[in-house]
Amino acid sequence: MGDRLVDLLLACVDEGSPGSSEHGVVHLVPRSASDPDVVHLTEGWTSEEDHHRLVASSPVICPVVA
């Protein structure tokens, strides 16, 4: 399951997705060394407003995992 989740999260920074814009400054997808199904996501954007604007206007839907 961890491999699939990592693939989905990394697709969110593919060309044409919100994370590929100049406003998405960092996207880290590390995994737990002890449990391959534990995945962490850290994103950095130029501003909260840029993040919301880009995600809302994107035809690419990226998963939200809580």
C-alpha atoms as a PDB file:
ATOM      1  CA  MET A   1       0.000   0.000   0.000  1.00  0.00           C
ATOM      2  CA  GLY A   2       2.858   2.395   0.761  1.00  0.00           C
ATOM      3  CA  ASP A   3       4.254   2.112  -2.772  1.00  0.00           C
ATOM      4  CA  ARG A   4       0.911   3.081  -4.315  1.00  0.00           C
ATOM      5  CA  LEU A   5       0.499   6.033  -1.970  1.00  0.00           C
ATOM      6  CA  VAL A   6       3.997   7.313  -2.773  1.00  0.00           C
ATOM      7  CA  ASP A   7       3.218   7.022  -6.500  1.00  0.00           C
ATOM      8  CA  LEU A   8      -0.007   9.025  -6.054  1.00  0.00           C
ATOM      9  CA  LEU A   9       1.686  11.738  -4.018  1.00  0.00           C
ATOM     10  CA  LEU A  10       4.599  12.078  -6.444  1.00  0.00           C
ATOM     11  CA  ALA A  11       2.123  12.366  -9.339  1.00  0.00           C
ATOM     12  CA  CYS A  12       0.976  15.604  -7.695  1.00  0.00           C
ATOM     13  CA  VAL A  13       4.252  17.231  -8.734  1.00  0.00           C
ATOM     14  CA  ASP A  14       4.205  15.968 -12.336  1.00  0.00           C
ATOM     15  CA  GLU A  15       4.188  18.542 -15.141  1.00  0.00           C
ATOM     16  CA  GLY A  16       0.828  20.320 -15.260  1.00  0.00           C
ATOM     17  CA  SER A  17      -0.156  19.569 -11.669  1.00  0.00           C
ATOM     18  CA  PRO A  18      -0.359  22.228  -8.932  1.00  0.00           C
ATOM     19  CA  GLY A  19       2.874  21.091  -7.291  1.00  0.00           C
ATOM     20  CA  SER A  20       4.869  21.632 -10.473  1.00  0.00           C
ATOM     21  CA  SER A  21       4.301  25.394 -10.471  1.00  0.00           C
ATOM     22  CA  GLU A  22       6.918  27.859  -9.286  1.00  0.00           C
ATOM     23  CA  HIS A  23       4.805  28.335  -6.151  1.00  0.00           C
ATOM     24  CA  GLY A  24       5.330  24.745  -4.985  1.00  0.00           C
ATOM     25  CA  VAL A  25       8.807  25.098  -3.510  1.00  0.00           C
ATOM     26  CA  VAL A  26       9.270  21.753  -1.742  1.00  0.00           C
ATOM     27  CA  HIS A  27       7.525  18.384  -1.788  1.00  0.00           C
ATOM     28  CA  LEU A  28       9.004  15.690   0.433  1.00  0.00           C
ATOM     29  CA  VAL A  29       7.604  12.149   0.532  1.00  0.00           C
ATOM     30  CA  PRO A  30       9.714  10.153   3.010  1.00  0.00           C
ATOM     31  CA  ARG A  31       8.799   6.683   4.230  1.00  0.00           C
ATOM     32  CA  SER A  32       9.188   5.011   7.583  1.00  0.00           C
ATOM     33  CA  ALA A  33      12.239   2.755   7.836  1.00  0.00           C
ATOM     34  CA  SER A  34      10.339   0.338  10.069  1.00  0.00           C
ATOM     35  CA  ASP A  35       6.945   0.278   8.309  1.00  0.00           C
ATOM     36  CA  PRO A  36       6.801   0.635   4.512  1.00  0.00           C
ATOM     37  CA  ASP A  37       3.117   1.587   4.667  1.00  0.00           C
ATOM     38  CA  VAL A  38       3.839   4.720   6.722  1.00  0.00           C
ATOM     39  CA  VAL A  39       4.367   7.690   4.414  1.00  0.00           C
ATOM     40  CA  HIS A  40       4.860  11.314   5.451  1.00  0.00           C
ATOM     41  CA  LEU A  41       4.131  14.313   3.252  1.00  0.00           C
ATOM     42  CA  THR A  42       5.676  17.743   3.663  1.00  0.00           C
ATOM     43  CA  GLU A  43       4.855  20.546   1.230  1.00  0.00           C
ATOM     44  CA  GLY A  44       6.106  24.098   1.074  1.00  0.00           C
ATOM     45  CA  TRP A  45       4.382  26.812  -0.929  1.00  0.00           C
ATOM     46  CA  THR A  46       5.192  30.457  -1.520  1.00  0.00           C
ATOM     47  CA  SER A  47       1.946  31.347   0.291  1.00  0.00           C
ATOM     48  CA  GLU A  48      -1.256  29.747   1.499  1.00  0.00           C
ATOM     49  CA  GLU A  49      -3.153  31.839  -1.034  1.00  0.00           C
ATOM     50  CA  ASP A  50      -1.039  30.546  -3.942  1.00  0.00           C
ATOM     51  CA  HIS A  51      -1.582  26.969  -2.760  1.00  0.00           C
ATOM     52  CA  HIS A  52      -5.367  27.367  -2.567  1.00  0.00           C
ATOM     53  CA  ARG A  53      -5.563  29.203  -5.893  1.00  0.00           C
ATOM     54  CA  LEU A  54      -3.501  26.614  -7.767  1.00  0.00           C
ATOM     55  CA  VAL A  55      -5.237  23.602  -6.284  1.00  0.00           C
ATOM     56  CA  ALA A  56      -8.696  25.076  -6.877  1.00  0.00           C
ATOM     57  CA  SER A  57      -7.934  25.908 -10.520  1.00  0.00           C
ATOM     58  CA  SER A  58      -6.192  22.648 -11.394  1.00  0.00           C
ATOM     59  CA  PRO A  59      -7.822  19.973 -13.539  1.00  0.00           C
ATOM     60  CA  VAL A  60      -5.503  17.477 -11.819  1.00  0.00           C
ATOM     61  CA  ILE A  61      -6.981  16.006  -8.668  1.00  0.00           C
ATOM     62  CA  CYS A  62      -4.408  14.928  -6.106  1.00  0.00           C
ATOM     63  CA  PRO A  63      -5.390  12.673  -3.245  1.00  0.00           C
ATOM     64  CA  VAL A  64      -5.831  14.057   0.215  1.00  0.00           C
ATOM     65  CA  VAL A  65      -4.952  11.556   2.881  1.00  0.00           C
ATOM     66  CA  ALA A  66      -5.550  12.201   6.549  1.00  0.00           C
END
